[in-house]
Every structure is written in structure tokens, then in C-alpha cells.
């Protein structure tokens, strides 16, 4: 039921953590939308959608990019307490995550809005959450602070190149399918660690 995520979000919208996030971001010039289109009159680059933030947290902090992509309906359901942890979700941390995400999203929008690209270039349209996942792995492995936007984004081109190579090695599988599969997360973790990968993507 497509209305279920909307109802779940509305039910949770007045939770303490949701109000805390909204109130902590306002003095910094950002509008956290506890409800859908709550701040529709504000500039788009200053609006932070609650469901989208949940997807970013799920892929980047909790390292579940396939769930972020395929199970957004659970963000305000069974994943809620897992995702919205007030011990780590300070306004500063949220803005760091959001700025990292928006950097990737800008690339995705450029790709989506442009002329039809080669398969190897177009994967980013489907792979935003997996880039976040890989950035988290890379930053931590290098000893960096995953909430330091500058440090994290210093790995951005490397991560894009690694995922691009991964996708090129699986040309027989649609990017849409690659980034919906839980199998991909494990393979990309091996890429991040410099390990050898099996060439064939699973058929089932």
C-alpha cells in the first residue's frame, strides 16, 4: 500500500526526536520536513526531507544501501528506532551527511537530465546509496572522521571510479538490478578492501 509510508511518517512526525531535529536545524538555516512538503515554500536546497534523511542514514551510517533503496517504506516503521538515534544525530552531523548526499545527488541529477549516456556512465542514477556506503567504508578505513565532509568527499572520485569499474565488470546485469541486490553490498565491501571479486553476478 503506497499510503502506508506516508501514514507512518505522519504518525511519527510529532515524536520527540523528529521535533528535536527540526528545531536544531532551523537556527542553521535548514528546514527539516517531518511531514511531506512541510516547508514547500522554502528554497529546495534548504529543505531536508525526513524520508530521504532516513535513507541517507541507512546507507551511510548503518551501511545498508540496498535497504535504503528498496525499503524506504520501513524507515518510519520497523527501522525507525534503528535509524533515528538521538545519540548520533546532532544538527552538525545531520548537515554533514546531507551535504555529502547532495554532492552525489547533484551528479545524479546532471546525469538524469542530460542526453542518454553510456551504461558505464549512467549507473550513478541507480547507485547513489551505494556511493554513500562506499564513502563511509573508505573514510573509516583511512582513519578519517565520517562526519568530516571535506575528508569524506576527498574519497569521492576514487569511490566513483571503483564502482564504475565494478559496474563495467557486470555489463550483463542492469544497473537497476545491481543496486537493488543485497549481494552488491558484500561485493563492494571487497572492492573497498582491495580483494578479488567473482566475475559473475548471481542470476537469482
N, C-alpha and C. Protein backbone atom coordinates (compact mmCIF):
# COMPACT_ATOMS: atom_id res chain seq x y z
N UNK A 1 0.85 -1.19 0.00
CA UNK A 1 0.00 0.00 0.00
C UNK A 1 0.89 1.24 0.00
N UNK A 2 0.79 2.05 -1.04
CA UNK A 2 1.67 3.22 -1.18
C UNK A 2 1.40 4.28 -0.12
N UNK A 3 0.23 4.22 0.50
CA UNK A 3 -0.09 5.21 1.52
C UNK A 3 0.52 4.88 2.88
N UNK A 4 0.96 3.63 3.06
CA UNK A 4 1.48 3.20 4.36
C UNK A 4 2.67 4.01 4.83
N UNK A 5 3.71 4.23 3.97
CA UNK A 5 4.85 5.04 4.42
C UNK A 5 4.45 6.46 4.81
N UNK A 6 3.49 7.04 4.09
CA UNK A 6 3.04 8.39 4.38
C UNK A 6 2.36 8.43 5.74
N UNK A 7 1.50 7.44 6.00
CA UNK A 7 0.82 7.39 7.28
C UNK A 7 1.81 7.18 8.42
N UNK A 8 2.77 6.29 8.21
CA UNK A 8 3.78 6.02 9.24
C UNK A 8 4.58 7.27 9.56
N UNK A 9 4.94 7.99 8.53
CA UNK A 9 5.69 9.23 8.72
C UNK A 9 4.86 10.25 9.48
N UNK A 10 3.59 10.40 9.12
CA UNK A 10 2.73 11.35 9.80
C UNK A 10 2.54 10.99 11.27
N UNK A 11 2.41 9.69 11.54
CA UNK A 11 2.23 9.25 12.92
C UNK A 11 3.47 9.58 13.75
N UNK A 12 4.64 9.44 13.15
CA UNK A 12 5.90 9.68 13.86
C UNK A 12 6.31 11.16 13.88
N UNK A 13 5.62 11.98 13.12
CA UNK A 13 6.08 13.35 12.90
C UNK A 13 6.17 14.19 14.16
N UNK A 14 5.40 13.83 15.17
CA UNK A 14 5.43 14.60 16.42
C UNK A 14 6.24 13.91 17.52
N UNK A 15 7.01 12.89 17.14
CA UNK A 15 7.91 12.25 18.10
C UNK A 15 8.97 13.25 18.57
N UNK A 16 9.47 13.04 19.76
CA UNK A 16 10.48 13.93 20.34
C UNK A 16 11.69 14.11 19.43
N UNK A 17 12.22 13.01 18.90
CA UNK A 17 13.43 13.09 18.08
C UNK A 17 13.17 13.88 16.79
N UNK A 18 11.98 13.74 16.21
CA UNK A 18 11.66 14.46 14.98
C UNK A 18 11.59 15.97 15.23
N UNK A 19 10.98 16.35 16.32
CA UNK A 19 10.89 17.77 16.67
C UNK A 19 12.27 18.32 17.03
N UNK A 20 13.07 17.51 17.73
CA UNK A 20 14.43 17.94 18.07
C UNK A 20 15.26 18.22 16.82
N UNK A 21 15.15 17.33 15.84
CA UNK A 21 15.90 17.52 14.59
C UNK A 21 15.46 18.82 13.91
N UNK A 22 14.16 19.02 13.81
CA UNK A 22 13.64 20.23 13.16
C UNK A 22 14.13 21.48 13.89
N UNK A 23 14.01 21.49 15.21
CA UNK A 23 14.39 22.68 15.98
C UNK A 23 15.89 22.94 15.96
N UNK A 24 16.70 21.89 15.88
CA UNK A 24 18.15 22.08 15.88
C UNK A 24 18.66 22.59 14.54
N UNK A 25 17.94 22.28 13.46
CA UNK A 25 18.37 22.70 12.13
C UNK A 25 17.91 24.10 11.75
N UNK A 26 16.82 24.55 12.32
CA UNK A 26 16.28 25.87 11.95
C UNK A 26 17.28 27.01 12.18
N UNK A 27 17.97 27.07 13.34
CA UNK A 27 18.94 28.17 13.52
C UNK A 27 20.10 28.13 12.53
N UNK A 28 20.32 26.98 11.91
CA UNK A 28 21.39 26.84 10.92
C UNK A 28 20.90 27.10 9.50
N UNK A 29 19.62 27.48 9.40
CA UNK A 29 19.07 27.86 8.09
C UNK A 29 18.51 26.71 7.27
N UNK A 30 18.25 25.57 7.92
CA UNK A 30 17.70 24.42 7.21
C UNK A 30 16.34 24.05 7.77
N UNK A 31 15.49 23.53 6.89
CA UNK A 31 14.12 23.21 7.25
C UNK A 31 13.90 21.70 7.13
N UNK A 32 13.74 21.07 8.27
CA UNK A 32 13.54 19.62 8.31
C UNK A 32 12.06 19.32 8.18
N UNK A 33 11.73 18.58 7.15
CA UNK A 33 10.33 18.30 6.86
C UNK A 33 9.88 17.00 7.52
N UNK A 34 9.34 17.15 8.73
CA UNK A 34 8.81 16.00 9.44
C UNK A 34 7.62 15.41 8.69
N UNK A 35 6.90 16.26 8.00
CA UNK A 35 5.77 15.85 7.18
C UNK A 35 6.07 16.19 5.72
N UNK A 36 5.44 15.49 4.82
CA UNK A 36 5.68 15.70 3.40
C UNK A 36 5.37 17.13 2.98
N UNK A 37 6.34 17.79 2.31
CA UNK A 37 6.17 19.16 1.82
C UNK A 37 5.80 20.15 2.92
N UNK A 38 6.31 19.92 4.12
CA UNK A 38 6.02 20.79 5.25
C UNK A 38 6.51 22.22 5.01
N UNK A 39 7.63 22.36 4.31
CA UNK A 39 8.21 23.67 4.04
C UNK A 39 8.30 23.91 2.54
N UNK A 40 7.22 23.63 1.86
CA UNK A 40 7.22 23.70 0.40
C UNK A 40 7.55 25.09 -0.12
N UNK A 41 7.34 26.11 0.67
CA UNK A 41 7.61 27.48 0.25
C UNK A 41 9.05 27.91 0.40
N UNK A 42 9.87 27.09 1.03
CA UNK A 42 11.27 27.43 1.25
C UNK A 42 12.14 26.93 0.09
N UNK A 43 13.36 27.46 0.00
CA UNK A 43 14.29 27.06 -1.07
C UNK A 43 14.59 25.57 -0.98
N UNK A 44 14.60 24.91 -2.12
CA UNK A 44 14.82 23.46 -2.15
C UNK A 44 16.14 23.05 -1.51
N UNK A 45 17.17 23.88 -1.69
CA UNK A 45 18.48 23.49 -1.16
C UNK A 45 18.58 23.69 0.35
N UNK A 46 17.49 24.16 0.96
CA UNK A 46 17.47 24.34 2.41
C UNK A 46 16.46 23.39 3.08
N UNK A 47 15.82 22.56 2.29
CA UNK A 47 14.83 21.62 2.81
C UNK A 47 15.44 20.23 2.95
N UNK A 48 15.22 19.59 4.08
CA UNK A 48 15.72 18.24 4.32
C UNK A 48 14.52 17.34 4.57
N UNK A 49 14.26 16.45 3.63
CA UNK A 49 13.12 15.56 3.74
C UNK A 49 13.41 14.42 4.72
N UNK A 50 12.48 14.13 5.60
CA UNK A 50 12.70 13.12 6.65
C UNK A 50 12.94 11.73 6.09
N UNK A 51 12.19 11.34 5.07
CA UNK A 51 12.37 10.00 4.49
C UNK A 51 13.73 9.92 3.80
N UNK A 52 14.08 10.95 3.05
CA UNK A 52 15.38 10.95 2.37
C UNK A 52 16.53 10.91 3.38
N UNK A 53 16.40 11.67 4.46
CA UNK A 53 17.43 11.63 5.50
C UNK A 53 17.53 10.21 6.07
N UNK A 54 16.39 9.56 6.27
CA UNK A 54 16.41 8.18 6.75
C UNK A 54 17.16 7.26 5.80
N UNK A 55 16.97 7.46 4.50
CA UNK A 55 17.70 6.65 3.52
C UNK A 55 19.20 6.91 3.58
N UNK A 56 19.58 8.17 3.77
CA UNK A 56 21.00 8.53 3.86
C UNK A 56 21.63 7.89 5.10
N UNK A 57 20.94 7.98 6.22
CA UNK A 57 21.45 7.36 7.46
C UNK A 57 21.57 5.85 7.28
N UNK A 58 20.56 5.25 6.67
CA UNK A 58 20.55 3.80 6.49
C UNK A 58 21.72 3.33 5.62
N UNK A 59 22.01 4.08 4.57
CA UNK A 59 23.09 3.68 3.66
C UNK A 59 24.46 4.07 4.17
N UNK A 60 24.58 5.23 4.79
CA UNK A 60 25.90 5.76 5.16
C UNK A 60 26.32 5.34 6.58
N UNK A 61 25.48 5.58 7.56
CA UNK A 61 25.84 5.25 8.93
C UNK A 61 25.62 3.78 9.27
N UNK A 62 24.49 3.25 8.80
CA UNK A 62 24.15 1.86 9.12
C UNK A 62 24.61 0.88 8.05
N UNK A 63 25.09 1.41 6.94
CA UNK A 63 25.71 0.62 5.86
C UNK A 63 24.77 -0.46 5.31
N UNK A 64 23.57 0.00 5.00
CA UNK A 64 22.56 -0.86 4.39
C UNK A 64 22.03 -0.19 3.12
N UNK A 65 22.88 -0.03 2.10
CA UNK A 65 22.45 0.73 0.92
C UNK A 65 21.32 0.08 0.14
N UNK A 66 21.29 -1.24 0.09
CA UNK A 66 20.19 -1.90 -0.64
C UNK A 66 18.87 -1.70 0.08
N UNK A 67 18.89 -1.73 1.41
CA UNK A 67 17.66 -1.46 2.16
C UNK A 67 17.22 -0.01 1.99
N UNK A 68 18.20 0.90 1.95
CA UNK A 68 17.86 2.30 1.73
C UNK A 68 17.15 2.48 0.40
N UNK A 69 17.56 1.70 -0.59
CA UNK A 69 16.99 1.81 -1.93
C UNK A 69 15.63 1.13 -2.05
N UNK A 70 15.49 -0.02 -1.40
CA UNK A 70 14.30 -0.85 -1.65
C UNK A 70 13.28 -0.84 -0.52
N UNK A 71 13.65 -0.37 0.66
CA UNK A 71 12.75 -0.50 1.81
C UNK A 71 12.48 0.83 2.51
N UNK A 72 12.33 1.90 1.73
CA UNK A 72 12.07 3.21 2.33
C UNK A 72 10.76 3.23 3.10
N UNK A 73 9.86 2.31 2.76
CA UNK A 73 8.57 2.23 3.46
C UNK A 73 8.74 1.77 4.91
N UNK A 74 9.92 1.26 5.27
CA UNK A 74 10.16 0.78 6.63
C UNK A 74 10.88 1.80 7.51
N UNK A 75 11.28 2.93 6.92
CA UNK A 75 12.05 3.93 7.67
C UNK A 75 11.27 4.45 8.87
N UNK A 76 9.99 4.67 8.69
CA UNK A 76 9.15 5.13 9.80
C UNK A 76 8.32 3.99 10.39
N UNK A 77 8.72 2.78 10.04
CA UNK A 77 8.10 1.58 10.59
C UNK A 77 9.11 0.82 11.41
N UNK A 78 9.45 -0.39 10.95
CA UNK A 78 10.30 -1.26 11.76
C UNK A 78 11.74 -0.79 11.90
N UNK A 79 12.22 0.10 11.00
CA UNK A 79 13.59 0.59 11.09
C UNK A 79 13.72 1.86 11.93
N UNK A 80 12.61 2.39 12.38
CA UNK A 80 12.59 3.74 12.94
C UNK A 80 13.58 3.95 14.09
N UNK A 81 13.50 3.11 15.12
CA UNK A 81 14.37 3.28 16.29
C UNK A 81 15.84 3.07 15.93
N UNK A 82 16.08 2.24 14.97
CA UNK A 82 17.43 1.95 14.49
C UNK A 82 18.05 3.17 13.80
N UNK A 83 17.24 3.83 12.98
CA UNK A 83 17.73 4.95 12.17
C UNK A 83 17.82 6.25 12.97
N UNK A 84 16.75 6.58 13.67
CA UNK A 84 16.69 7.89 14.34
C UNK A 84 17.20 7.77 15.77
N UNK A 85 18.53 7.73 15.88
CA UNK A 85 19.23 7.59 17.15
C UNK A 85 19.73 8.95 17.59
N UNK A 86 19.11 9.51 18.62
CA UNK A 86 19.45 10.88 19.02
C UNK A 86 20.87 11.02 19.55
N UNK A 87 21.52 9.89 19.88
CA UNK A 87 22.90 9.95 20.38
C UNK A 87 23.90 10.35 19.29
N UNK A 88 23.53 10.13 18.02
CA UNK A 88 24.45 10.47 16.93
C UNK A 88 23.90 11.54 16.00
N UNK A 89 22.63 11.87 16.13
CA UNK A 89 22.02 12.79 15.17
C UNK A 89 21.98 14.22 15.67
N UNK A 90 23.15 14.78 15.91
CA UNK A 90 23.23 16.22 16.20
C UNK A 90 22.97 16.98 14.89
N UNK A 91 22.65 18.26 15.02
CA UNK A 91 22.42 19.08 13.82
C UNK A 91 23.66 19.09 12.93
N UNK A 92 24.83 19.16 13.54
CA UNK A 92 26.08 19.21 12.78
C UNK A 92 26.30 17.91 12.01
N UNK A 93 26.05 16.79 12.65
CA UNK A 93 26.22 15.50 11.98
C UNK A 93 25.22 15.34 10.83
N UNK A 94 23.99 15.75 11.08
CA UNK A 94 22.96 15.65 10.03
C UNK A 94 23.36 16.49 8.82
N UNK A 95 23.83 17.71 9.06
CA UNK A 95 24.22 18.57 7.94
C UNK A 95 25.41 18.00 7.19
N UNK A 96 26.34 17.38 7.90
CA UNK A 96 27.47 16.74 7.22
C UNK A 96 26.99 15.64 6.30
N UNK A 97 26.11 14.78 6.81
CA UNK A 97 25.56 13.70 5.98
C UNK A 97 24.81 14.27 4.78
N UNK A 98 24.04 15.30 5.03
CA UNK A 98 23.21 15.87 3.97
C UNK A 98 24.06 16.51 2.87
N UNK A 99 25.12 17.19 3.25
CA UNK A 99 26.00 17.82 2.25
C UNK A 99 26.72 16.76 1.42
N UNK A 100 27.11 15.67 2.04
CA UNK A 100 27.73 14.56 1.30
C UNK A 100 26.72 13.99 0.31
N UNK A 101 25.52 13.74 0.80
CA UNK A 101 24.46 13.21 -0.07
C UNK A 101 24.16 14.16 -1.23
N UNK A 102 24.05 15.45 -0.96
CA UNK A 102 23.68 16.42 -2.00
C UNK A 102 24.76 16.53 -3.07
N UNK A 103 26.01 16.31 -2.71
CA UNK A 103 27.09 16.29 -3.71
C UNK A 103 26.85 15.17 -4.71
N UNK A 104 26.51 14.00 -4.20
CA UNK A 104 26.23 12.86 -5.08
C UNK A 104 24.95 13.09 -5.86
N UNK A 105 23.94 13.62 -5.20
CA UNK A 105 22.65 13.86 -5.84
C UNK A 105 22.79 14.86 -6.99
N UNK A 106 23.67 15.84 -6.85
CA UNK A 106 23.89 16.80 -7.93
C UNK A 106 24.43 16.09 -9.17
N UNK A 107 25.35 15.15 -8.97
CA UNK A 107 25.87 14.35 -10.08
C UNK A 107 24.75 13.51 -10.71
N UNK A 108 23.92 12.93 -9.87
CA UNK A 108 22.83 12.10 -10.37
C UNK A 108 21.85 12.93 -11.22
N UNK A 109 21.55 14.12 -10.75
CA UNK A 109 20.62 14.98 -11.49
C UNK A 109 21.20 15.41 -12.83
N UNK A 110 22.49 15.70 -12.84
CA UNK A 110 23.14 16.04 -14.11
C UNK A 110 23.04 14.88 -15.10
N UNK A 111 23.25 13.68 -14.60
CA UNK A 111 23.18 12.50 -15.45
C UNK A 111 21.75 12.25 -15.91
N UNK A 112 20.79 12.41 -15.00
CA UNK A 112 19.39 12.16 -15.34
C UNK A 112 18.87 13.17 -16.35
N UNK A 113 19.34 14.42 -16.23
CA UNK A 113 18.81 15.48 -17.07
C UNK A 113 19.52 15.63 -18.40
N UNK A 114 20.64 14.94 -18.57
CA UNK A 114 21.41 15.09 -19.80
C UNK A 114 20.97 14.15 -20.89
N UNK A 115 21.76 14.12 -21.95
CA UNK A 115 21.50 13.20 -23.04
C UNK A 115 21.73 11.77 -22.56
N UNK A 116 21.17 10.82 -23.27
CA UNK A 116 21.35 9.42 -22.88
C UNK A 116 22.84 9.08 -22.89
N UNK A 117 23.30 8.51 -21.78
CA UNK A 117 24.72 8.23 -21.62
C UNK A 117 25.02 6.76 -21.82
N UNK A 118 26.31 6.47 -21.89
CA UNK A 118 26.74 5.08 -21.92
C UNK A 118 26.35 4.41 -20.61
N UNK A 119 26.15 3.12 -20.68
CA UNK A 119 25.80 2.33 -19.49
C UNK A 119 26.79 2.59 -18.36
N UNK A 120 28.07 2.66 -18.69
CA UNK A 120 29.10 2.82 -17.67
C UNK A 120 28.98 4.16 -16.94
N UNK A 121 28.39 5.14 -17.61
CA UNK A 121 28.27 6.46 -17.01
C UNK A 121 26.95 6.64 -16.26
N UNK A 122 25.93 5.92 -16.68
CA UNK A 122 24.58 6.15 -16.17
C UNK A 122 24.29 5.42 -14.87
N UNK A 123 25.18 4.56 -14.39
CA UNK A 123 24.91 3.79 -13.19
C UNK A 123 24.66 4.66 -11.97
N UNK A 124 25.23 5.86 -11.94
CA UNK A 124 25.07 6.72 -10.76
C UNK A 124 23.61 7.06 -10.50
N UNK A 125 22.78 7.02 -11.54
CA UNK A 125 21.35 7.28 -11.36
C UNK A 125 20.75 6.29 -10.38
N UNK A 126 21.23 5.05 -10.43
CA UNK A 126 20.74 4.00 -9.54
C UNK A 126 21.59 3.81 -8.29
N UNK A 127 22.83 4.31 -8.30
CA UNK A 127 23.80 3.92 -7.28
C UNK A 127 24.13 4.91 -6.19
N UNK A 128 23.29 5.93 -5.99
CA UNK A 128 23.59 6.98 -5.01
C UNK A 128 23.86 6.41 -3.62
N UNK A 129 23.01 5.50 -3.16
CA UNK A 129 23.16 5.00 -1.78
C UNK A 129 24.38 4.10 -1.63
N UNK A 130 24.79 3.48 -2.72
CA UNK A 130 25.99 2.65 -2.66
C UNK A 130 27.26 3.51 -2.68
N UNK A 131 27.20 4.67 -3.28
CA UNK A 131 28.33 5.60 -3.17
C UNK A 131 28.47 6.05 -1.72
N UNK A 132 27.34 6.38 -1.09
CA UNK A 132 27.39 6.76 0.32
C UNK A 132 28.00 5.65 1.17
N UNK A 133 27.57 4.45 0.91
CA UNK A 133 28.08 3.27 1.63
C UNK A 133 29.59 3.15 1.47
N UNK A 134 30.06 3.24 0.25
CA UNK A 134 31.49 3.11 -0.02
C UNK A 134 32.29 4.27 0.58
N UNK A 135 31.73 5.47 0.55
CA UNK A 135 32.41 6.61 1.16
C UNK A 135 32.59 6.40 2.66
N UNK A 136 31.58 5.83 3.30
CA UNK A 136 31.66 5.53 4.72
C UNK A 136 32.77 4.52 5.00
N UNK A 137 32.81 3.45 4.20
CA UNK A 137 33.85 2.43 4.37
C UNK A 137 35.25 3.01 4.15
N UNK A 138 35.40 3.76 3.07
CA UNK A 138 36.71 4.31 2.71
C UNK A 138 37.22 5.28 3.78
N UNK A 139 36.33 6.15 4.24
CA UNK A 139 36.74 7.16 5.22
C UNK A 139 37.16 6.50 6.52
N UNK A 140 36.37 5.55 6.97
CA UNK A 140 36.71 4.85 8.21
C UNK A 140 38.02 4.06 8.07
N UNK A 141 38.19 3.39 6.94
CA UNK A 141 39.39 2.59 6.71
C UNK A 141 40.65 3.45 6.70
N UNK A 142 40.51 4.69 6.26
CA UNK A 142 41.67 5.60 6.20
C UNK A 142 41.90 6.33 7.52
N UNK A 143 41.05 6.05 8.51
CA UNK A 143 41.19 6.71 9.81
C UNK A 143 40.55 8.07 9.88
N UNK A 144 39.74 8.40 8.88
CA UNK A 144 39.09 9.71 8.86
C UNK A 144 37.80 9.74 9.64
N UNK A 145 37.32 10.94 9.88
CA UNK A 145 36.06 11.17 10.58
C UNK A 145 34.92 11.12 9.56
N UNK A 146 34.00 10.20 9.73
CA UNK A 146 32.92 10.06 8.74
C UNK A 146 31.94 11.23 8.76
N UNK A 147 32.09 12.12 9.73
CA UNK A 147 31.25 13.32 9.76
C UNK A 147 32.01 14.56 9.28
N UNK A 148 33.22 14.38 8.82
CA UNK A 148 34.01 15.49 8.28
C UNK A 148 33.79 15.52 6.76
N UNK A 149 32.96 16.44 6.32
CA UNK A 149 32.55 16.48 4.92
C UNK A 149 33.74 16.56 3.98
N UNK A 150 34.70 17.41 4.29
CA UNK A 150 35.87 17.58 3.43
C UNK A 150 36.66 16.29 3.30
N UNK A 151 36.89 15.63 4.42
CA UNK A 151 37.65 14.38 4.42
C UNK A 151 36.91 13.31 3.63
N UNK A 152 35.61 13.19 3.88
CA UNK A 152 34.80 12.17 3.19
C UNK A 152 34.83 12.39 1.69
N UNK A 153 34.59 13.63 1.27
CA UNK A 153 34.50 13.91 -0.17
C UNK A 153 35.86 13.84 -0.87
N UNK A 154 36.94 13.81 -0.09
CA UNK A 154 38.25 13.61 -0.72
C UNK A 154 38.36 12.20 -1.31
N UNK A 155 37.49 11.30 -0.90
CA UNK A 155 37.47 9.93 -1.43
C UNK A 155 36.45 9.75 -2.57
N UNK A 156 35.74 10.82 -2.89
CA UNK A 156 34.60 10.70 -3.81
C UNK A 156 34.99 10.18 -5.19
N UNK A 157 36.00 10.77 -5.80
CA UNK A 157 36.38 10.34 -7.15
C UNK A 157 36.91 8.91 -7.15
N UNK A 158 37.66 8.54 -6.12
CA UNK A 158 38.15 7.17 -6.02
C UNK A 158 36.99 6.18 -5.94
N UNK A 159 36.03 6.50 -5.09
CA UNK A 159 34.86 5.62 -4.92
C UNK A 159 34.08 5.52 -6.22
N UNK A 160 33.85 6.65 -6.89
CA UNK A 160 33.12 6.59 -8.17
C UNK A 160 33.86 5.72 -9.18
N UNK A 161 35.16 5.87 -9.24
CA UNK A 161 35.94 5.07 -10.19
C UNK A 161 35.87 3.58 -9.86
N UNK A 162 35.91 3.25 -8.57
CA UNK A 162 35.84 1.85 -8.17
C UNK A 162 34.48 1.24 -8.50
N UNK A 163 33.42 1.99 -8.22
CA UNK A 163 32.08 1.46 -8.53
C UNK A 163 31.88 1.38 -10.04
N UNK A 164 32.42 2.37 -10.75
CA UNK A 164 32.32 2.35 -12.21
C UNK A 164 32.99 1.10 -12.78
N UNK A 165 34.15 0.77 -12.26
CA UNK A 165 34.86 -0.43 -12.72
C UNK A 165 34.05 -1.67 -12.36
N UNK A 166 33.47 -1.69 -11.18
CA UNK A 166 32.64 -2.80 -10.75
C UNK A 166 31.46 -3.00 -11.71
N UNK A 167 30.80 -1.90 -12.05
CA UNK A 167 29.65 -1.97 -12.97
C UNK A 167 30.10 -2.43 -14.35
N UNK A 168 31.23 -1.92 -14.83
CA UNK A 168 31.75 -2.34 -16.13
C UNK A 168 32.02 -3.84 -16.16
N UNK A 169 32.43 -4.40 -15.04
CA UNK A 169 32.70 -5.83 -14.96
C UNK A 169 31.43 -6.68 -14.91
N UNK A 170 30.28 -5.99 -14.79
CA UNK A 170 28.99 -6.70 -14.74
C UNK A 170 28.04 -6.11 -15.78
N UNK A 171 28.56 -5.89 -16.97
CA UNK A 171 27.77 -5.27 -18.03
C UNK A 171 26.52 -6.06 -18.39
N UNK A 172 26.54 -7.35 -18.13
CA UNK A 172 25.38 -8.18 -18.47
C UNK A 172 24.21 -8.01 -17.54
N UNK A 173 24.39 -7.24 -16.45
CA UNK A 173 23.34 -7.03 -15.46
C UNK A 173 22.94 -5.57 -15.43
N UNK A 174 21.67 -5.29 -15.47
CA UNK A 174 21.18 -3.91 -15.45
C UNK A 174 21.58 -3.23 -14.15
N UNK A 175 21.96 -1.96 -14.24
CA UNK A 175 22.35 -1.20 -13.05
C UNK A 175 21.22 -1.19 -12.03
N UNK A 176 19.99 -1.11 -12.51
CA UNK A 176 18.83 -1.12 -11.62
C UNK A 176 18.86 -2.37 -10.74
N UNK A 177 19.17 -3.52 -11.33
CA UNK A 177 19.19 -4.77 -10.58
C UNK A 177 20.41 -4.86 -9.67
N UNK A 178 21.55 -4.40 -10.16
CA UNK A 178 22.77 -4.44 -9.35
C UNK A 178 22.57 -3.72 -8.03
N UNK A 179 21.98 -2.54 -8.07
CA UNK A 179 21.90 -1.72 -6.87
C UNK A 179 20.67 -2.00 -6.01
N UNK A 180 19.87 -2.96 -6.40
CA UNK A 180 18.78 -3.42 -5.55
C UNK A 180 19.14 -4.72 -4.84
N UNK A 181 20.25 -5.31 -5.20
CA UNK A 181 20.63 -6.62 -4.67
C UNK A 181 21.48 -6.49 -3.41
N UNK A 182 21.14 -7.27 -2.39
CA UNK A 182 21.95 -7.29 -1.17
C UNK A 182 23.34 -7.84 -1.45
N UNK A 183 23.47 -8.63 -2.50
CA UNK A 183 24.75 -9.23 -2.87
C UNK A 183 25.79 -8.15 -3.21
N UNK A 184 25.33 -7.06 -3.80
CA UNK A 184 26.23 -5.97 -4.23
C UNK A 184 26.97 -5.36 -3.06
N UNK A 185 26.30 -5.20 -1.94
CA UNK A 185 26.94 -4.59 -0.77
C UNK A 185 28.19 -5.37 -0.37
N UNK A 186 28.07 -6.69 -0.32
CA UNK A 186 29.21 -7.52 0.04
C UNK A 186 30.34 -7.44 -0.97
N UNK A 187 29.98 -7.39 -2.24
CA UNK A 187 31.00 -7.27 -3.28
C UNK A 187 31.72 -5.94 -3.19
N UNK A 188 30.99 -4.87 -2.96
CA UNK A 188 31.62 -3.56 -2.88
C UNK A 188 32.50 -3.43 -1.63
N UNK A 189 32.13 -4.12 -0.56
CA UNK A 189 32.99 -4.13 0.63
C UNK A 189 34.34 -4.76 0.28
N UNK A 190 34.31 -5.79 -0.57
CA UNK A 190 35.56 -6.42 -1.02
C UNK A 190 36.34 -5.48 -1.93
N UNK A 191 35.63 -4.74 -2.77
CA UNK A 191 36.29 -3.74 -3.62
C UNK A 191 37.02 -2.73 -2.74
N UNK A 192 36.34 -2.24 -1.72
CA UNK A 192 36.92 -1.25 -0.82
C UNK A 192 38.17 -1.79 -0.12
N UNK A 193 38.16 -3.10 0.12
CA UNK A 193 39.30 -3.73 0.81
C UNK A 193 40.36 -4.22 -0.17
N UNK A 194 40.15 -4.02 -1.47
CA UNK A 194 41.12 -4.41 -2.47
C UNK A 194 41.18 -5.90 -2.74
N UNK A 195 40.07 -6.60 -2.47
CA UNK A 195 40.05 -8.04 -2.68
C UNK A 195 39.58 -8.40 -4.08
N UNK A 196 39.91 -9.62 -4.51
CA UNK A 196 39.49 -10.12 -5.81
C UNK A 196 38.02 -10.48 -5.78
N UNK A 197 37.30 -10.17 -6.85
CA UNK A 197 35.85 -10.44 -6.89
C UNK A 197 35.53 -11.59 -7.84
N UNK A 198 34.44 -12.31 -7.54
CA UNK A 198 33.90 -13.23 -8.54
C UNK A 198 33.33 -12.40 -9.67
N UNK A 199 33.50 -12.84 -10.90
CA UNK A 199 33.08 -12.02 -12.04
C UNK A 199 31.57 -12.03 -12.25
N UNK A 200 30.97 -13.20 -12.08
CA UNK A 200 29.54 -13.32 -12.41
C UNK A 200 28.65 -12.81 -11.31
N UNK A 201 27.67 -11.99 -11.71
CA UNK A 201 26.64 -11.55 -10.78
C UNK A 201 25.61 -12.67 -10.67
N UNK A 202 25.07 -12.95 -9.46
CA UNK A 202 24.13 -14.07 -9.33
C UNK A 202 22.87 -13.86 -10.16
N UNK A 203 22.36 -14.94 -10.73
CA UNK A 203 21.20 -14.85 -11.61
C UNK A 203 19.89 -14.73 -10.83
N UNK A 204 19.86 -15.24 -9.63
CA UNK A 204 18.60 -15.23 -8.88
C UNK A 204 18.62 -14.24 -7.75
